[in-house]
PDB file of N, CA and C in Angstrom:
ATOM      1  N   GLU A   1      94.947  78.100 103.698  1.00  0.00           N
ATOM      2  CA  GLU A   1      95.845  78.300 102.566  1.00  0.00           C
ATOM      3  C   GLU A   1      95.062  78.771 101.337  1.00  0.00           C
ATOM      4  N   ARG A   2      93.924  78.124 101.078  1.00  0.00           N
ATOM      5  CA  ARG A   2      93.116  78.503  99.928  1.00  0.00           C
ATOM      6  C   ARG A   2      92.578  79.928 100.086  1.00  0.00           C
ATOM      7  N   ILE A   3      92.216  80.292 101.302  1.00  0.00           N
ATOM      8  CA  ILE A   3      91.684  81.634 101.552  1.00  0.00           C
ATOM      9  C   ILE A   3      92.726  82.688 101.222  1.00  0.00           C
ATOM     10  N   VAL A   4      93.959  82.458 101.631  1.00  0.00           N
ATOM     11  CA  VAL A   4      95.038  83.400 101.326  1.00  0.00           C
ATOM     12  C   VAL A   4      95.251  83.482  99.825  1.00  0.00           C
ATOM     13  N   ALA A   5      95.253  82.346  99.156  1.00  0.00           N
ATOM     14  CA  ALA A   5      95.471  82.322  97.713  1.00  0.00           C
ATOM     15  C   ALA A   5      94.372  83.068  96.966  1.00  0.00           C
ATOM     16  N   GLU A   6      93.157  83.016  97.479  1.00  0.00           N
ATOM     17  CA  GLU A   6      92.037  83.666  96.818  1.00  0.00           C
ATOM     18  C   GLU A   6      91.860  85.125  97.240  1.00  0.00           C
ATOM     19  N   SER A   7      92.587  85.560  98.225  1.00  0.00           N
ATOM     20  CA  SER A   7      92.456  86.939  98.693  1.00  0.00           C
ATOM     21  C   SER A   7      93.118  87.900  97.711  1.00  0.00           C
ATOM     22  N   LYS A   8      92.869  89.148  97.946  1.00  0.00           N
ATOM     23  CA  LYS A   8      93.449  90.178  97.079  1.00  0.00           C
ATOM     24  C   LYS A   8      94.492  90.996  97.828  1.00  0.00           C
ATOM     25  N   TRP A   9      95.191  90.393  98.759  1.00  0.00           N
ATOM     26  CA  TRP A   9      96.188  91.122  99.544  1.00  0.00           C
ATOM     27  C   TRP A   9      97.228  91.781  98.652  1.00  0.00           C
ATOM     28  N   TYR A  10      97.552  91.137  97.542  1.00  0.00           N
ATOM     29  CA  TYR A  10      98.569  91.668  96.634  1.00  0.00           C
ATOM     30  C   TYR A  10      98.153  93.002  96.027  1.00  0.00           C
ATOM     31  N   LYS A  11      96.837  93.267  95.953  1.00  0.00           N
ATOM     32  CA  LYS A  11      96.367  94.524  95.387  1.00  0.00           C
ATOM     33  C   LYS A  11      96.812  95.717  96.235  1.00  0.00           C
ATOM     34  N   TYR A  12      96.975  95.513  97.536  1.00  0.00           N
ATOM     35  CA  TYR A  12      97.429  96.605  98.396  1.00  0.00           C
ATOM     36  C   TYR A  12      98.886  96.948  98.116  1.00  0.00           C
ATOM     37  N   THR A  13      99.668  95.954  97.756  1.00  0.00           N
ATOM     38  CA  THR A  13     101.049  96.225  97.351  1.00  0.00           C
ATOM     39  C   THR A  13     101.051  96.970  96.026  1.00  0.00           C
ATOM     40  N   GLU A  14     100.195  96.565  95.099  1.00  0.00           N
ATOM     41  CA  GLU A  14     100.087  97.280  93.825  1.00  0.00           C
ATOM     42  C   GLU A  14      99.639  98.722  94.059  1.00  0.00           C
ATOM     43  N   LEU A  15      98.695  98.916  94.971  1.00  0.00           N
ATOM     44  CA  LEU A  15      98.256 100.267  95.321  1.00  0.00           C
ATOM     45  C   LEU A  15      99.426 101.090  95.851  1.00  0.00           C
ATOM     46  N   ASP A  16     100.242 100.494  96.692  1.00  0.00           N
ATOM     47  CA  ASP A  16     101.440 101.178  97.194  1.00  0.00           C
ATOM     48  C   ASP A  16     102.359 101.574  96.047  1.00  0.00           C
ATOM     49  N   TYR A  17     102.559 100.678  95.103  1.00  0.00           N
ATOM     50  CA  TYR A  17     103.392 101.016  93.947  1.00  0.00           C
ATOM     51  C   TYR A  17     102.840 102.232  93.219  1.00  0.00           C
ATOM     52  N   VAL A  18     101.554 102.195  92.878  1.00  0.00           N
ATOM     53  CA  VAL A  18     100.947 103.303  92.140  1.00  0.00           C
ATOM     54  C   VAL A  18     101.102 104.604  92.921  1.00  0.00           C
ATOM     55  N   HIS A  19     100.755 104.574  94.192  1.00  0.00           N
ATOM     56  CA  HIS A  19     100.844 105.788  95.011  1.00  0.00           C
ATOM     57  C   HIS A  19     102.274 106.323  95.069  1.00  0.00           C
ATOM     58  N   HIS A  20     103.208 105.476  95.411  1.00  0.00           N
ATOM     59  CA  HIS A  20     104.584 105.943  95.590  1.00  0.00           C
ATOM     60  C   HIS A  20     105.227 106.373  94.273  1.00  0.00           C
ATOM     61  N   ILE A  21     104.880 105.727  93.183  1.00  0.00           N
ATOM     62  CA  ILE A  21     105.405 106.165  91.883  1.00  0.00           C
ATOM     63  C   ILE A  21     104.819 107.529  91.526  1.00  0.00           C
ATOM     64  N   LEU A  22     103.528 107.710  91.738  1.00  0.00           N
ATOM     65  CA  LEU A  22     102.891 108.979  91.367  1.00  0.00           C
ATOM     66  C   LEU A  22     103.362 110.161  92.204  1.00  0.00           C
ATOM     67  N   VAL A  23     103.830 109.926  93.414  1.00  0.00           N
ATOM     68  CA  VAL A  23     104.342 111.050  94.207  1.00  0.00           C
ATOM     69  C   VAL A  23     105.856 111.207  94.065  1.00  0.00           C
ATOM     70  N   ALA A  24     106.447 110.426  93.167  1.00  0.00           N
ATOM     71  CA  ALA A  24     107.899 110.499  92.979  1.00  0.00           C
ATOM     72  C   ALA A  24     108.337 111.803  92.319  1.00  0.00           C
ATOM     73  N   ARG A  25     107.439 112.453  91.618  1.00  0.00           N
ATOM     74  CA  ARG A  25     107.766 113.719  90.963  1.00  0.00           C
ATOM     75  C   ARG A  25     106.602 114.692  91.126  1.00  0.00           C
ATOM     76  N   LEU A  26     106.923 115.959  91.114  1.00  0.00           N
ATOM     77  CA  LEU A  26     105.912 117.008  91.162  1.00  0.00           C
ATOM     78  C   LEU A  26     105.426 117.242  89.732  1.00  0.00           C
ATOM     79  N   PHE A  27     104.156 117.025  89.485  1.00  0.00           N
ATOM     80  CA  PHE A  27     103.611 117.134  88.134  1.00  0.00           C
ATOM     81  C   PHE A  27     103.261 118.573  87.795  1.00  0.00           C
ATOM     82  N   PRO A  28     103.387 118.926  86.512  1.00  0.00           N
ATOM     83  CA  PRO A  28     102.982 120.263  86.072  1.00  0.00           C
ATOM     84  C   PRO A  28     101.473 120.452  86.282  1.00  0.00           C
ATOM     85  N   SER A  29     101.063 121.673  86.480  1.00  0.00           N
ATOM     86  CA  SER A  29      99.658 121.957  86.790  1.00  0.00           C
ATOM     87  C   SER A  29      98.702 121.471  85.702  1.00  0.00           C
ATOM     88  N   ASP A  30      99.137 121.466  84.442  1.00  0.00           N
ATOM     89  CA  ASP A  30      98.245 121.017  83.370  1.00  0.00           C
ATOM     90  C   ASP A  30      98.072 119.498  83.329  1.00  0.00           C
ATOM     91  N   ARG A  31      98.772 118.774  84.189  1.00  0.00           N
ATOM     92  CA  ARG A  31      98.659 117.308  84.250  1.00  0.00           C
ATOM     93  C   ARG A  31      98.057 116.819  85.575  1.00  0.00           C
ATOM     94  N   ILE A  32      97.730 117.733  86.470  1.00  0.00           N
ATOM     95  CA  ILE A  32      97.231 117.346  87.791  1.00  0.00           C
ATOM     96  C   ILE A  32      95.913 116.578  87.699  1.00  0.00           C
ATOM     97  N   ALA A  33      95.022 116.958  86.794  1.00  0.00           N
ATOM     98  CA  ALA A  33      93.740 116.250  86.669  1.00  0.00           C
ATOM     99  C   ALA A  33      93.973 114.789  86.284  1.00  0.00           C
ATOM    100  N   GLU A  34      94.858 114.545  85.323  1.00  0.00           N
ATOM    101  CA  GLU A  34      95.176 113.165  84.923  1.00  0.00           C
ATOM    102  C   GLU A  34      95.845 112.419  86.070  1.00  0.00           C
ATOM    103  N   TRP A  35      96.774 113.092  86.749  1.00  0.00           N
ATOM    104  CA  TRP A  35      97.462 112.503  87.901  1.00  0.00           C
ATOM    105  C   TRP A  35      96.441 112.077  88.952  1.00  0.00           C
ATOM    106  N   SER A  36      95.510 112.973  89.253  1.00  0.00           N
ATOM    107  CA  SER A  36      94.510 112.709  90.281  1.00  0.00           C
ATOM    108  C   SER A  36      93.623 111.519  89.916  1.00  0.00           C
ATOM    109  N   LYS A  37      93.237 111.421  88.657  1.00  0.00           N
ATOM    110  CA  LYS A  37      92.410 110.293  88.215  1.00  0.00           C
ATOM    111  C   LYS A  37      93.129 108.968  88.435  1.00  0.00           C
ATOM    112  N   LEU A  38      94.416 108.918  88.121  1.00  0.00           N
ATOM    113  CA  LEU A  38      95.175 107.680  88.315  1.00  0.00           C
ATOM    114  C   LEU A  38      95.402 107.406  89.797  1.00  0.00           C
ATOM    115  N   GLN A  39      95.650 108.441  90.554  1.00  0.00           N
ATOM    116  CA  GLN A  39      95.952 108.300  91.986  1.00  0.00           C
ATOM    117  C   GLN A  39      94.738 107.823  92.785  1.00  0.00           C
ATOM    118  N   HIS A  40      93.554 108.164  92.356  1.00  0.00           N
ATOM    119  CA  HIS A  40      92.359 107.909  93.163  1.00  0.00           C
ATOM    120  C   HIS A  40      91.442 106.830  92.594  1.00  0.00           C
ATOM    121  N   ARG A  41      91.963 105.979  91.756  1.00  0.00           N
ATOM    122  CA  ARG A  41      91.156 104.877  91.228  1.00  0.00           C
ATOM    123  C   ARG A  41      90.996 103.784  92.273  1.00  0.00           C
ATOM    124  N   SER A  42      89.983 102.957  92.075  1.00  0.00           N
ATOM    125  CA  SER A  42      89.675 101.903  93.045  1.00  0.00           C
ATOM    126  C   SER A  42      90.713 100.790  93.022  1.00  0.00           C
ATOM    127  N   LEU A  43      90.698 100.009  94.061  1.00  0.00           N
ATOM    128  CA  LEU A  43      91.623  98.891  94.209  1.00  0.00           C
ATOM    129  C   LEU A  43      91.471  97.887  93.068  1.00  0.00           C
ATOM    130  N   ASP A  44      90.282  97.781  92.520  1.00  0.00           N
ATOM    131  CA  ASP A  44      90.041  96.847  91.417  1.00  0.00           C
ATOM    132  C   ASP A  44      90.317  97.457  90.050  1.00  0.00           C
ATOM    133  N   ASN A  45      90.775  98.701  90.020  1.00  0.00           N
ATOM    134  CA  ASN A  45      91.026  99.377  88.748  1.00  0.00           C
ATOM    135  C   ASN A  45      92.256 100.278  88.861  1.00  0.00           C
ATOM    136  N   LEU A  46      93.329  99.739  89.397  1.00  0.00           N
ATOM    137  CA  LEU A  46      94.547 100.534  89.604  1.00  0.00           C
ATOM    138  C   LEU A  46      95.192 100.917  88.282  1.00  0.00           C
ATOM    139  N   ALA A  47      95.927 102.005  88.311  1.00  0.00           N
ATOM    140  CA  ALA A  47      96.674 102.426  87.125  1.00  0.00           C
ATOM    141  C   ALA A  47      97.640 101.323  86.714  1.00  0.00           C
ATOM    142  N   THR A  48      97.761 101.126  85.421  1.00  0.00           N
ATOM    143  CA  THR A  48      98.675 100.115  84.891  1.00  0.00           C
ATOM    144  C   THR A  48     100.059 100.723  84.687  1.00  0.00           C
ATOM    145  N   PRO A  49     101.076  99.892  84.549  1.00  0.00           N
ATOM    146  CA  PRO A  49     102.404 100.423  84.229  1.00  0.00           C
ATOM    147  C   PRO A  49     102.389 101.254  82.943  1.00  0.00           C
ATOM    148  N   GLU A  50     101.600 100.832  81.973  1.00  0.00           N
ATOM    149  CA  GLU A  50     101.520 101.573  80.709  1.00  0.00           C
ATOM    150  C   GLU A  50     100.904 102.957  80.911  1.00  0.00           C
ATOM    151  N   GLU A  51      99.878 103.039  81.730  1.00  0.00           N
ATOM    152  CA  GLU A  51      99.251 104.336  82.007  1.00  0.00           C
ATOM    153  C   GLU A  51     100.208 105.258  82.756  1.00  0.00           C
ATOM    154  N   LEU A  52     100.945 104.715  83.692  1.00  0.00           N
ATOM    155  CA  LEU A  52     101.929 105.517  84.424  1.00  0.00           C
ATOM    156  C   LEU A  52     103.014 106.016  83.483  1.00  0.00           C
ATOM    157  N   THR A  53     103.509 105.128  82.634  1.00  0.00           N
ATOM    158  CA  THR A  53     104.547 105.513  81.671  1.00  0.00           C
ATOM    159  C   THR A  53     104.049 106.642  80.784  1.00  0.00           C
ATOM    160  N   LYS A  54     102.835 106.514  80.292  1.00  0.00           N
ATOM    161  CA  LYS A  54     102.264 107.534  79.410  1.00  0.00           C
ATOM    162  C   LYS A  54     102.163 108.884  80.120  1.00  0.00           C
ATOM    163  N   LEU A  55     101.653 108.889  81.350  1.00  0.00           N
ATOM    164  CA  LEU A  55     101.509 110.146  82.091  1.00  0.00           C
ATOM    165  C   LEU A  55     102.863 110.796  82.351  1.00  0.00           C
ATOM    166  N   PHE A  56     103.826 110.015  82.805  1.00  0.00           N
ATOM    167  CA  PHE A  56     105.152 110.580  83.063  1.00  0.00           C
ATOM    168  C   PHE A  56     105.793 111.086  81.772  1.00  0.00           C
ATOM    169  N   ASP A  57     105.626 110.336  80.693  1.00  0.00           N
ATOM    170  CA  ASP A  57     106.207 110.736  79.410  1.00  0.00           C
ATOM    171  C   ASP A  57     105.570 112.031  78.912  1.00  0.00           C
ATOM    172  N   GLN A  58     104.250 112.102  78.930  1.00  0.00           N
ATOM    173  CA  GLN A  58     103.555 113.302  78.460  1.00  0.00           C
ATOM    174  C   GLN A  58     103.825 114.514  79.344  1.00  0.00           C
ATOM    175  N   SER A  59     104.230 114.265  80.568  1.00  0.00           N
ATOM    176  CA  SER A  59     104.539 115.355  81.500  1.00  0.00           C
ATOM    177  C   SER A  59     106.002 115.772  81.441  1.00  0.00           C
ATOM    178  N   GLY A  60     106.796 115.063  80.630  1.00  0.00           N
ATOM    179  CA  GLY A  60     108.223 115.360  80.535  1.00  0.00           C
ATOM    180  C   GLY A  60     109.004 114.910  81.755  1.00  0.00           C
ATOM    181  N   LEU A  61     108.463 113.941  82.491  1.00  0.00           N
ATOM    182  CA  LEU A  61     109.086 113.500  83.742  1.00  0.00           C
ATOM    183  C   LEU A  61     109.602 112.063  83.686  1.00  0.00           C
ATOM    184  N   LEU A  62     109.509 111.429  82.530  1.00  0.00           N
ATOM    185  CA  LEU A  62     109.921 110.031  82.417  1.00  0.00           C
ATOM    186  C   LEU A  62     111.434 109.963  82.263  1.00  0.00           C
ATOM    187  N   ASN A  63     112.096 109.541  83.330  1.00  0.00           N
ATOM    188  CA  ASN A  63     113.548 109.381  83.301  1.00  0.00           C
ATOM    189  C   ASN A  63     113.888 107.943  83.697  1.00  0.00           C
ATOM    190  N   THR A  64     115.162 107.641  83.780  1.00  0.00           N
ATOM    191  CA  THR A  64     115.599 106.280  84.092  1.00  0.00           C
ATOM    192  C   THR A  64     115.068 105.813  85.439  1.00  0.00           C
ATOM    193  N   GLU A  65     115.107 106.661  86.442  1.00  0.00           N
ATOM    194  CA  GLU A  65     114.626 106.282  87.776  1.00  0.00           C
ATOM    195  C   GLU A  65     113.150 105.895  87.744  1.00  0.00           C
ATOM    196  N   ILE A  66     112.330 106.719  87.104  1.00  0.00           N
ATOM    197  CA  ILE A  66     110.895 106.442  87.022  1.00  0.00           C
ATOM    198  C   ILE A  66     110.646 105.185  86.194  1.00  0.00           C
ATOM    199  N   LYS A  67     111.360 105.035  85.092  1.00  0.00           N
ATOM    200  CA  LYS A  67     111.211 103.822  84.273  1.00  0.00           C
ATOM    201  C   LYS A  67     111.499 102.572  85.092  1.00  0.00           C
ATOM    202  N   GLU A  68     112.533 102.626  85.922  1.00  0.00           N
ATOM    203  CA  GLU A  68     112.885 101.466  86.755  1.00  0.00           C
ATOM    204  C   GLU A  68     111.820 101.190  87.813  1.00  0.00           C
ATOM    205  N   LEU A  69     111.251 102.236  88.407  1.00  0.00           N
ATOM    206  CA  LEU A  69     110.181 102.046  89.391  1.00  0.00           C
ATOM    207  C   LEU A  69     108.950 101.423  88.732  1.00  0.00           C
ATOM    208  N   ILE A  70     108.632 101.892  87.534  1.00  0.00           N
ATOM    209  CA  ILE A  70     107.499 101.321  86.801  1.00  0.00           C
ATOM    210  C   ILE A  70     107.792  99.874  86.417  1.00  0.00           C
ATOM    211  N   GLU A  71     109.025  99.589  86.051  1.00  0.00           N
ATOM    212  CA  GLU A  71     109.400  98.204  85.741  1.00  0.00           C
ATOM    213  C   GLU A  71     109.292  97.325  86.992  1.00  0.00           C
ATOM    214  N   ASP A  72     109.642  97.860  88.148  1.00  0.00           N
ATOM    215  CA  ASP A  72     109.467  97.126  89.410  1.00  0.00           C
ATOM    216  C   ASP A  72     107.990  96.782  89.622  1.00  0.00           C
ATOM    217  N   TYR A  73     107.123  97.743  89.357  1.00  0.00           N
ATOM    218  CA  TYR A  73     105.678  97.539  89.491  1.00  0.00           C
ATOM    219  C   TYR A  73     105.207  96.470  88.507  1.00  0.00           C
ATOM    220  N   ARG A  74     105.627  96.566  87.265  1.00  0.00           N
ATOM    221  CA  ARG A  74     105.259  95.577  86.242  1.00  0.00           C
ATOM    222  C   ARG A  74     105.701  94.167  86.670  1.00  0.00           C
ATOM    223  N   TYR A  75     106.902  94.068  87.177  1.00  0.00           N
ATOM    224  CA  TYR A  75     107.452  92.789  87.638  1.00  0.00           C
ATOM    225  C   TYR A  75     106.606  92.241  88.793  1.00  0.00           C
ATOM    226  N   TYR A  76     106.232  93.112  89.718  1.00  0.00           N
ATOM    227  CA  TYR A  76     105.413  92.675  90.845  1.00  0.00           C
ATOM    228  C   TYR A  76     104.067  92.134  90.366  1.00  0.00           C
ATOM    229  N   ILE A  77     103.439  92.817  89.434  1.00  0.00           N
ATOM    230  CA  ILE A  77     102.159  92.354  88.897  1.00  0.00           C
ATOM    231  C   ILE A  77     102.308  90.947  88.312  1.00  0.00           C
ATOM    232  N   LYS A  78     103.374  90.728  87.595  1.00  0.00           N
ATOM    233  CA  LYS A  78     103.578  89.439  86.920  1.00  0.00           C
ATOM    234  C   LYS A  78     103.982  88.314  87.872  1.00  0.00           C
ATOM    235  N   PHE A  79     104.909  88.589  88.788  1.00  0.00           N
ATOM    236  CA  PHE A  79     105.501  87.529  89.610  1.00  0.00           C
ATOM    237  C   PHE A  79     105.086  87.547  91.084  1.00  0.00           C
ATOM    238  N   ARG A  80     104.417  88.618  91.530  1.00  0.00           N
ATOM    239  CA  ARG A  80     104.006  88.758  92.928  1.00  0.00           C
ATOM    240  C   ARG A  80     105.188  88.706  93.894  1.00  0.00           C
ATOM    241  N   GLN A  81     106.293  89.260  93.446  1.00  0.00           N
ATOM    242  CA  GLN A  81     107.460  89.426  94.313  1.00  0.00           C
ATOM    243  C   GLN A  81     108.215  90.670  93.863  1.00  0.00           C
ATOM    244  N   GLN A  82     109.064  91.161  94.745  1.00  0.00           N
ATOM    245  CA  GLN A  82     109.801  92.392  94.467  1.00  0.00           C
ATOM    246  C   GLN A  82     110.989  92.116  93.553  1.00  0.00           C
ATOM    247  N   ARG A  83     111.130  92.931  92.548  1.00  0.00           N
ATOM    248  CA  ARG A  83     112.283  92.843  91.646  1.00  0.00           C
ATOM    249  C   ARG A  83     113.531  93.387  92.333  1.00  0.00           C
ATOM    250  N   ARG A  84     113.361  94.473  93.081  1.00  0.00           N
ATOM    251  CA  ARG A  84     114.470  95.105  93.805  1.00  0.00           C
ATOM    252  C   ARG A  84     114.001  95.374  95.239  1.00  0.00           C
ATOM    253  N   PRO A  85     114.092  94.363  96.102  1.00  0.00           N
ATOM    254  CA  PRO A  85     113.573  94.507  97.470  1.00  0.00           C
ATOM    255  C   PRO A  85     114.158  95.692  98.228  1.00  0.00           C
ATOM    256  N   ASP A  86     115.420  95.999  98.004  1.00  0.00           N
ATOM    257  CA  ASP A  86     116.040  97.123  98.707  1.00  0.00           C
ATOM    258  C   ASP A  86     115.377  98.446  98.321  1.00  0.00           C
ATOM    259  N   ILE A  87     115.059  98.614  97.060  1.00  0.00           N
ATOM    260  CA  ILE A  87     114.383  99.829  96.597  1.00  0.00           C
ATOM    261  C   ILE A  87     112.958  99.866  97.144  1.00  0.00           C
ATOM    262  N   TRP A  88     112.268  98.739  97.082  1.00  0.00           N
ATOM    263  CA  TRP A  88     110.897  98.659  97.602  1.00  0.00           C
ATOM    264  C   TRP A  88     110.849  99.013  99.088  1.00  0.00           C
ATOM    265  N   ASN A  89     111.768  98.487  99.852  1.00  0.00           N
ATOM    266  CA  ASN A  89     111.784  98.743 101.293  1.00  0.00           C
ATOM    267  C   ASN A  89     112.039 100.207 101.623  1.00  0.00           C
ATOM    268  N   ASN A  90     112.574 100.944 100.675  1.00  0.00           N
ATOM    269  CA  ASN A  90     112.885 102.361 100.870  1.00  0.00           C
ATOM    270  C   ASN A  90     111.900 103.257 100.103  1.00  0.00           C
ATOM    271  N   ARG A  91     110.705 102.753  99.813  1.00  0.00           N
ATOM    272  CA  ARG A  91     109.759 103.463  98.955  1.00  0.00           C
ATOM    273  C   ARG A  91     109.308 104.816  99.505  1.00  0.00           C
ATOM    274  N   ALA A  92     109.352 105.007 100.795  1.00  0.00           N
ATOM    275  CA  ALA A  92     108.960 106.309 101.351  1.00  0.00           C
ATOM    276  C   ALA A  92     109.868 107.424 100.841  1.00  0.00           C
ATOM    277  N   SER A  93     111.075 107.090 100.456  1.00  0.00           N
ATOM    278  CA  SER A  93     112.015 108.100  99.960  1.00  0.00           C
ATOM    279  C   SER A  93     111.800 108.432  98.485  1.00  0.00           C
ATOM    280  N   TRP A  94     110.891 107.739  97.806  1.00  0.00           N
ATOM    281  CA  TRP A  94     110.631 108.036  96.399  1.00  0.00           C
ATOM    282  C   TRP A  94     109.950 109.385  96.220  1.00  0.00           C
ATOM    283  N   SER A  95     109.255 109.863  97.238  1.00  0.00           N
ATOM    284  CA  SER A  95     108.452 111.076  97.140  1.00  0.00           C
ATOM    285  C   SER A  95     109.283 112.293  96.758  1.00  0.00           C
ATOM    286  N   HIS A  96     108.701 113.117  95.884  1.00  0.00           N
ATOM    287  CA  HIS A  96     109.377 114.366  95.510  1.00  0.00           C
ATOM    288  C   HIS A  96     109.534 115.269  96.724  1.00  0.00           C
ATOM    289  N   PHE A  97     108.734 115.072  97.764  1.00  0.00           N
ATOM    290  CA  PHE A  97     108.874 115.862  98.987  1.00  0.00           C
ATOM    291  C   PHE A  97     110.177 115.535  99.718  1.00  0.00           C
ATOM    292  N   GLN A  98     110.706 114.334  99.484  1.00  0.00           N
ATOM    293  CA  GLN A  98     111.941 113.896 100.128  1.00  0.00           C
ATOM    294  C   GLN A  98     113.186 114.324  99.351  1.00  0.00           C
ATOM    295  N   LYS A  99     112.998 114.738  98.104  1.00  0.00           N
ATOM    296  CA  LYS A  99     114.129 115.078  97.241  1.00  0.00           C
ATOM    297  C   LYS A  99     114.740 116.402  97.675  1.00  0.00           C
ATOM    298  N   LYS A 100     116.036 116.453  97.638  1.00  0.00           N
ATOM    299  CA  LYS A 100     116.761 117.685  97.945  1.00  0.00           C
ATOM    300  C   LYS A 100     116.992 118.460  96.649  1.00  0.00           C
ATOM    301  N   GLU A 101     116.718 119.743  96.688  1.00  0.00           N
ATOM    302  CA  GLU A 101     116.992 120.605  95.537  1.00  0.00           C
ATOM    303  C   GLU A 101     118.495 120.806  95.409  1.00  0.00           C
ATOM    304  N   THR A 102     118.976 120.745  94.175  1.00  0.00           N
ATOM    305  CA  THR A 102     120.417 120.963  93.949  1.00  0.00           C
ATOM    306  C   THR A 102     120.650 122.207  93.143  1.00  0.00           C
TER     307      THR A 102
END
């Protein structure tokens, strides 16, 4: 029990949040370097909700959907549980590659 409590298993869930949020939208070419830096940081230095918000905002991509995903990530960091389990379980669909053009 103590070993599980002291492990960093939760960091892999946080990594999933960062990855899936960052691929939720196609970033403009002038923001790819910043995107890449956040996407490829180490497990012990993951992008924060504030950093994600800033990047999406500066890229003109911060909308209600992204704000809610970032809030889900923030909630997970604080409580170590999913704020919206149904959305989390469907995270593969967050990718901009999955979005249909209208």
